[in-house]
Amino acid sequence: MAPRALDYVSYQEYLASEHWQFVRRAAIWVAGGRCQVCKGEQDLEVHHASGYDCLFHEQPEDLAVLCRRCHELYSEAAVIG
């Protein structure tokens, strides 16, 4: 059963949960262990591509695997854009 928002005190607690760690590993596996932008294999992060509406019940299409650099560039562009 997927967790609910009420099961966590904070977003950071959710990111530390077994559920998120499973979702994160699965997303990276599906992406072939590479950033979906630059194809790098280092410092991979999983980004909530469809926003935080899907938080706690993410689907594969809600997530993007990005290296730290691409994630930072994406976040900067989102703030400016």
C-alpha atoms as a PDB file:
ATOM      1  CA  MET A   1       0.000   0.000   0.000  1.00  0.00           C
ATOM      2  CA  ALA A   2       1.366   3.421  -0.955  1.00  0.00           C
ATOM      3  CA  PRO A   3       2.028   5.863   1.879  1.00  0.00           C
ATOM      4  CA  ARG A   4      -0.129   8.889   2.500  1.00  0.00           C
ATOM      5  CA  ALA A   5       0.976  12.447   3.156  1.00  0.00           C
ATOM      6  CA  LEU A   6      -0.268  12.120   6.727  1.00  0.00           C
ATOM      7  CA  ASP A   7       2.214   9.278   7.304  1.00  0.00           C
ATOM      8  CA  TYR A   8       5.129  11.758   7.187  1.00  0.00           C
ATOM      9  CA  VAL A   9       5.964  14.822   9.191  1.00  0.00           C
ATOM     10  CA  SER A  10       8.018  16.431   6.446  1.00  0.00           C
ATOM     11  CA  TYR A  11       9.115  16.083   2.843  1.00  0.00           C
ATOM     12  CA  GLN A  12      12.627  15.240   4.081  1.00  0.00           C
ATOM     13  CA  GLU A  13      11.200  12.410   6.179  1.00  0.00           C
ATOM     14  CA  TYR A  14       9.394  11.110   3.095  1.00  0.00           C
ATOM     15  CA  LEU A  15      12.632  11.199   1.067  1.00  0.00           C
ATOM     16  CA  ALA A  16      14.281   9.093   3.776  1.00  0.00           C
ATOM     17  CA  SER A  17      11.466   6.505   3.737  1.00  0.00           C
ATOM     18  CA  GLU A  18      11.795   2.970   2.416  1.00  0.00           C
ATOM     19  CA  HIS A  19       8.939   3.710   0.004  1.00  0.00           C
ATOM     20  CA  TRP A  20      10.726   6.658  -1.638  1.00  0.00           C
ATOM     21  CA  GLN A  21      14.029   4.761  -1.754  1.00  0.00           C
ATOM     22  CA  PHE A  22      12.273   1.941  -3.634  1.00  0.00           C
ATOM     23  CA  VAL A  23      10.590   4.412  -6.044  1.00  0.00           C
ATOM     24  CA  ARG A  24      13.930   6.193  -6.566  1.00  0.00           C
ATOM     25  CA  ARG A  25      15.871   3.001  -7.289  1.00  0.00           C
ATOM     26  CA  ALA A  26      13.157   1.810  -9.678  1.00  0.00           C
ATOM     27  CA  ALA A  27      13.196   5.121 -11.589  1.00  0.00           C
ATOM     28  CA  ILE A  28      16.978   4.994 -11.945  1.00  0.00           C
ATOM     29  CA  TRP A  29      16.801   1.381 -13.107  1.00  0.00           C
ATOM     30  CA  VAL A  30      14.135   2.221 -15.719  1.00  0.00           C
ATOM     31  CA  ALA A  31      16.340   5.108 -16.950  1.00  0.00           C
ATOM     32  CA  GLY A  32      19.199   2.665 -17.438  1.00  0.00           C
ATOM     33  CA  GLY A  33      21.260   4.237 -14.661  1.00  0.00           C
ATOM     34  CA  ARG A  34      21.770   7.424 -16.672  1.00  0.00           C
ATOM     35  CA  CYS A  35      20.632  11.026 -16.636  1.00  0.00           C
ATOM     36  CA  GLN A  36      17.743  11.382 -19.065  1.00  0.00           C
ATOM     37  CA  VAL A  37      19.224  14.636 -20.391  1.00  0.00           C
ATOM     38  CA  CYS A  38      23.008  14.287 -20.694  1.00  0.00           C
ATOM     39  CA  LYS A  39      23.253  10.476 -20.266  1.00  0.00           C
ATOM     40  CA  GLY A  40      25.756  10.901 -17.416  1.00  0.00           C
ATOM     41  CA  GLU A  41      25.961   8.181 -14.780  1.00  0.00           C
ATOM     42  CA  GLN A  42      27.175  10.177 -11.753  1.00  0.00           C
ATOM     43  CA  ASP A  43      25.246  11.887  -8.947  1.00  0.00           C
ATOM     44  CA  LEU A  44      21.795  10.775 -10.132  1.00  0.00           C
ATOM     45  CA  GLU A  45      18.724  12.352  -8.578  1.00  0.00           C
ATOM     46  CA  VAL A  46      15.048  11.677  -9.165  1.00  0.00           C
ATOM     47  CA  HIS A  47      13.009  14.780  -9.965  1.00  0.00           C
ATOM     48  CA  HIS A  48       9.238  15.104  -9.572  1.00  0.00           C
ATOM     49  CA  ALA A  49       8.741  16.108 -13.219  1.00  0.00           C
ATOM     50  CA  SER A  50       4.984  16.530 -12.945  1.00  0.00           C
ATOM     51  CA  GLY A  51       5.200  18.619  -9.803  1.00  0.00           C
ATOM     52  CA  TYR A  52       4.326  17.599  -6.293  1.00  0.00           C
ATOM     53  CA  ASP A  53       0.676  16.716  -6.925  1.00  0.00           C
ATOM     54  CA  CYS A  54       1.754  13.083  -7.252  1.00  0.00           C
ATOM     55  CA  LEU A  55       3.760  13.123  -4.031  1.00  0.00           C
ATOM     56  CA  PHE A  56       3.365   9.882  -2.048  1.00  0.00           C
ATOM     57  CA  HIS A  57       1.850   8.023  -5.024  1.00  0.00           C
ATOM     58  CA  GLU A  58       4.300   8.683  -7.855  1.00  0.00           C
ATOM     59  CA  GLN A  59       3.958   6.879 -11.166  1.00  0.00           C
ATOM     60  CA  PRO A  60       6.958   6.307 -13.476  1.00  0.00           C
ATOM     61  CA  GLU A  61       5.763   9.051 -15.822  1.00  0.00           C
ATOM     62  CA  ASP A  62       5.766  11.535 -12.910  1.00  0.00           C
ATOM     63  CA  LEU A  63       9.528  11.217 -12.426  1.00  0.00           C
ATOM     64  CA  ALA A  64      12.684  12.167 -14.306  1.00  0.00           C
ATOM     65  CA  VAL A  65      16.169  10.879 -13.566  1.00  0.00           C
ATOM     66  CA  LEU A  66      18.691  13.702 -13.763  1.00  0.00           C
ATOM     67  CA  CYS A  67      22.309  14.101 -12.745  1.00  0.00           C
ATOM     68  CA  ARG A  68      22.865  16.774 -10.118  1.00  0.00           C
ATOM     69  CA  ARG A  69      24.090  19.298 -12.732  1.00  0.00           C
ATOM     70  CA  CYS A  70      21.091  18.835 -15.047  1.00  0.00           C
ATOM     71  CA  HIS A  71      18.736  18.915 -12.057  1.00  0.00           C
ATOM     72  CA  GLU A  72      20.220  22.233 -10.936  1.00  0.00           C
ATOM     73  CA  LEU A  73      19.972  23.672 -14.452  1.00  0.00           C
ATOM     74  CA  TYR A  74      16.363  22.491 -14.746  1.00  0.00           C
ATOM     75  CA  SER A  75      15.486  24.010 -11.362  1.00  0.00           C
ATOM     76  CA  GLU A  76      17.132  27.339 -12.287  1.00  0.00           C
ATOM     77  CA  ALA A  77      15.268  27.431 -15.602  1.00  0.00           C
ATOM     78  CA  ALA A  78      11.973  26.699 -13.844  1.00  0.00           C
ATOM     79  CA  VAL A  79      12.506  29.624 -11.478  1.00  0.00           C
ATOM     80  CA  ILE A  80      13.385  31.986 -14.324  1.00  0.00           C
ATOM     81  CA  GLY A  81      10.812  30.649 -16.771  1.00  0.00           C
END
